[in-house]
Amino acid sequence: MKNDIRHRDDLMLLITRFYKKLLADESISYLFTDIAKINPDHHFPVLVDFWDSILFQSDTYRDNAMQHHIILHRKSPLHKHHFETWLRYFAETVDELFEGEKAFLAKERATSIATVMLIKINQAS
């Protein structure tokens, strides 16, 4: 039996493995490498803060994720297939590493967040 997501170290493991998959997929990796030009050393802790806030109500993330994605969309359009790919890799990675209430919640929240982002991005266009 796998453990549930319990703390920030688990979130960092999730984000690291998840991004390894995203960055290996040419259909989506360019958004991170060429357009957003993320620096994993900076970006991953921010993502851990985000998911820590989502799953554990930690108040560690105080930025506006939606605004960052609208800006990214203006540089290079984000399409439904990008969100579907992102969600597929996210759920796959969660399932490979964890099981339990927080793991289920992470996948559920990811779906909700991606759905709302896609709607808002299309409205902002």
Protein backbone atom coordinates (compact mmCIF):
# COMPACT_ATOMS: atom_id res chain seq x y z
CA MET A 1 0.00 0.00 0.00
CA LYS A 2 1.17 3.50 -0.86
CA ASN A 3 1.16 6.40 1.56
CA ASP A 4 -1.09 9.39 1.14
CA ILE A 5 0.31 12.87 0.47
CA ARG A 6 1.35 14.00 3.95
CA HIS A 7 3.68 17.00 3.74
CA ARG A 8 5.81 19.30 1.61
CA ASP A 9 8.43 16.63 0.88
CA ASP A 10 5.70 14.49 -0.68
CA LEU A 11 4.55 17.46 -2.72
CA MET A 12 8.09 18.13 -3.96
CA LEU A 13 8.39 14.49 -5.01
CA LEU A 14 5.08 14.76 -6.85
CA ILE A 15 6.03 18.00 -8.62
CA THR A 16 9.49 16.73 -9.58
CA ARG A 17 8.18 13.48 -11.09
CA PHE A 18 5.24 15.24 -12.72
CA TYR A 19 7.42 17.83 -14.43
CA LYS A 20 9.82 15.14 -15.62
CA LYS A 21 6.90 13.77 -17.64
CA LEU A 22 5.69 17.17 -18.81
CA LEU A 23 9.12 18.25 -19.95
CA ALA A 24 9.61 15.01 -21.88
CA ASP A 25 6.42 15.56 -23.90
CA GLU A 26 7.03 17.84 -26.89
CA SER A 27 3.33 18.62 -27.22
CA ILE A 28 3.46 20.64 -23.99
CA SER A 29 7.09 21.02 -22.86
CA TYR A 30 7.71 24.09 -25.04
CA LEU A 31 5.24 26.05 -22.91
CA PHE A 32 7.51 25.57 -19.89
CA THR A 33 10.91 25.72 -21.57
CA ASP A 34 10.50 28.15 -24.47
CA ILE A 35 7.56 30.36 -23.51
CA ALA A 36 7.44 30.54 -19.68
CA LYS A 37 11.15 29.68 -19.43
CA ILE A 38 10.71 28.21 -15.98
CA ASN A 39 13.65 27.67 -13.70
CA PRO A 40 12.83 24.45 -11.80
CA ASP A 41 14.86 25.57 -8.77
CA HIS A 42 12.56 28.58 -8.44
CA HIS A 43 9.32 27.22 -9.92
CA PHE A 44 9.04 23.91 -8.06
CA PRO A 45 9.01 25.42 -4.54
CA VAL A 46 6.30 27.84 -5.71
CA LEU A 47 4.25 24.89 -6.95
CA VAL A 48 4.80 23.11 -3.65
CA ASP A 49 3.51 26.25 -1.89
CA PHE A 50 0.47 26.25 -4.19
CA TRP A 51 -0.39 22.60 -3.56
CA ASP A 52 0.39 22.92 0.14
CA SER A 53 -2.23 25.67 0.28
CA ILE A 54 -4.72 23.64 -1.75
CA LEU A 55 -4.35 20.37 0.18
CA PHE A 56 -3.41 21.54 3.66
CA GLN A 57 -4.79 25.12 3.81
CA SER A 58 -1.27 26.27 4.72
CA ASP A 59 -1.50 29.86 3.39
CA THR A 60 1.93 29.42 1.78
CA TYR A 61 0.83 30.53 -1.70
CA ARG A 62 -0.20 34.15 -2.02
CA ASP A 63 0.21 34.74 -5.73
CA ASN A 64 -2.36 34.68 -8.55
CA ALA A 65 -1.96 31.50 -10.58
CA MET A 66 -4.76 32.50 -12.93
CA GLN A 67 -3.01 35.73 -13.91
CA HIS A 68 0.22 33.87 -14.72
CA HIS A 69 -1.68 31.53 -17.02
CA ILE A 70 -3.49 34.38 -18.77
CA ILE A 71 -0.12 36.01 -19.45
CA LEU A 72 1.25 32.70 -20.73
CA HIS A 73 -1.83 32.26 -22.94
CA ARG A 74 -1.22 35.70 -24.48
CA LYS A 75 2.33 34.65 -25.38
CA SER A 76 1.34 31.24 -26.72
CA PRO A 77 -2.28 30.08 -26.80
CA LEU A 78 -3.23 27.41 -24.29
CA HIS A 79 -5.70 24.91 -25.71
CA LYS A 80 -7.92 22.23 -24.26
CA HIS A 81 -5.43 19.53 -25.23
CA HIS A 82 -2.74 21.24 -23.12
CA PHE A 83 -4.97 21.03 -20.06
CA GLU A 84 -5.91 17.43 -20.85
CA THR A 85 -2.24 16.48 -21.18
CA TRP A 86 -1.38 18.31 -17.95
CA LEU A 87 -4.22 16.56 -16.10
CA ARG A 88 -3.32 13.14 -17.48
CA TYR A 89 0.29 13.41 -16.32
CA PHE A 90 -0.74 14.88 -12.98
CA ALA A 91 -3.23 12.11 -12.19
CA GLU A 92 -0.84 9.44 -13.45
CA THR A 93 1.94 10.75 -11.23
CA VAL A 94 -0.29 11.02 -8.17
CA ASP A 95 -1.48 7.45 -8.73
CA GLU A 96 2.07 6.14 -9.16
CA LEU A 97 3.23 7.67 -5.89
CA PHE A 98 0.28 7.98 -3.52
CA GLU A 99 -3.14 6.79 -2.51
CA GLY A 100 -5.60 8.11 0.00
CA GLU A 101 -7.77 11.10 0.79
CA LYS A 102 -5.22 13.81 -0.09
CA ALA A 103 -4.17 12.02 -3.27
CA PHE A 104 -7.81 11.86 -4.36
CA LEU A 105 -8.32 15.50 -3.38
CA ALA A 106 -5.23 16.56 -5.37
CA LYS A 107 -6.59 14.96 -8.53
CA GLU A 108 -10.07 16.37 -7.91
CA ARG A 109 -8.76 19.90 -7.31
CA ALA A 110 -6.44 19.69 -10.32
CA THR A 111 -9.43 18.89 -12.53
CA SER A 112 -11.43 21.77 -11.07
CA ILE A 113 -8.55 24.22 -11.40
CA ALA A 114 -7.79 23.21 -14.99
CA THR A 115 -11.47 23.51 -15.95
CA VAL A 116 -11.81 26.99 -14.44
CA MET A 117 -8.51 28.13 -15.96
CA LEU A 118 -9.53 26.98 -19.44
CA ILE A 119 -12.86 28.81 -19.14
CA LYS A 120 -11.27 32.03 -17.86
CA ILE A 121 -8.46 31.94 -20.41
CA ASN A 122 -11.00 31.63 -23.21
CA GLN A 123 -12.99 34.54 -21.75
CA ALA A 124 -9.84 36.67 -21.50
CA SER A 125 -8.94 36.11 -25.15
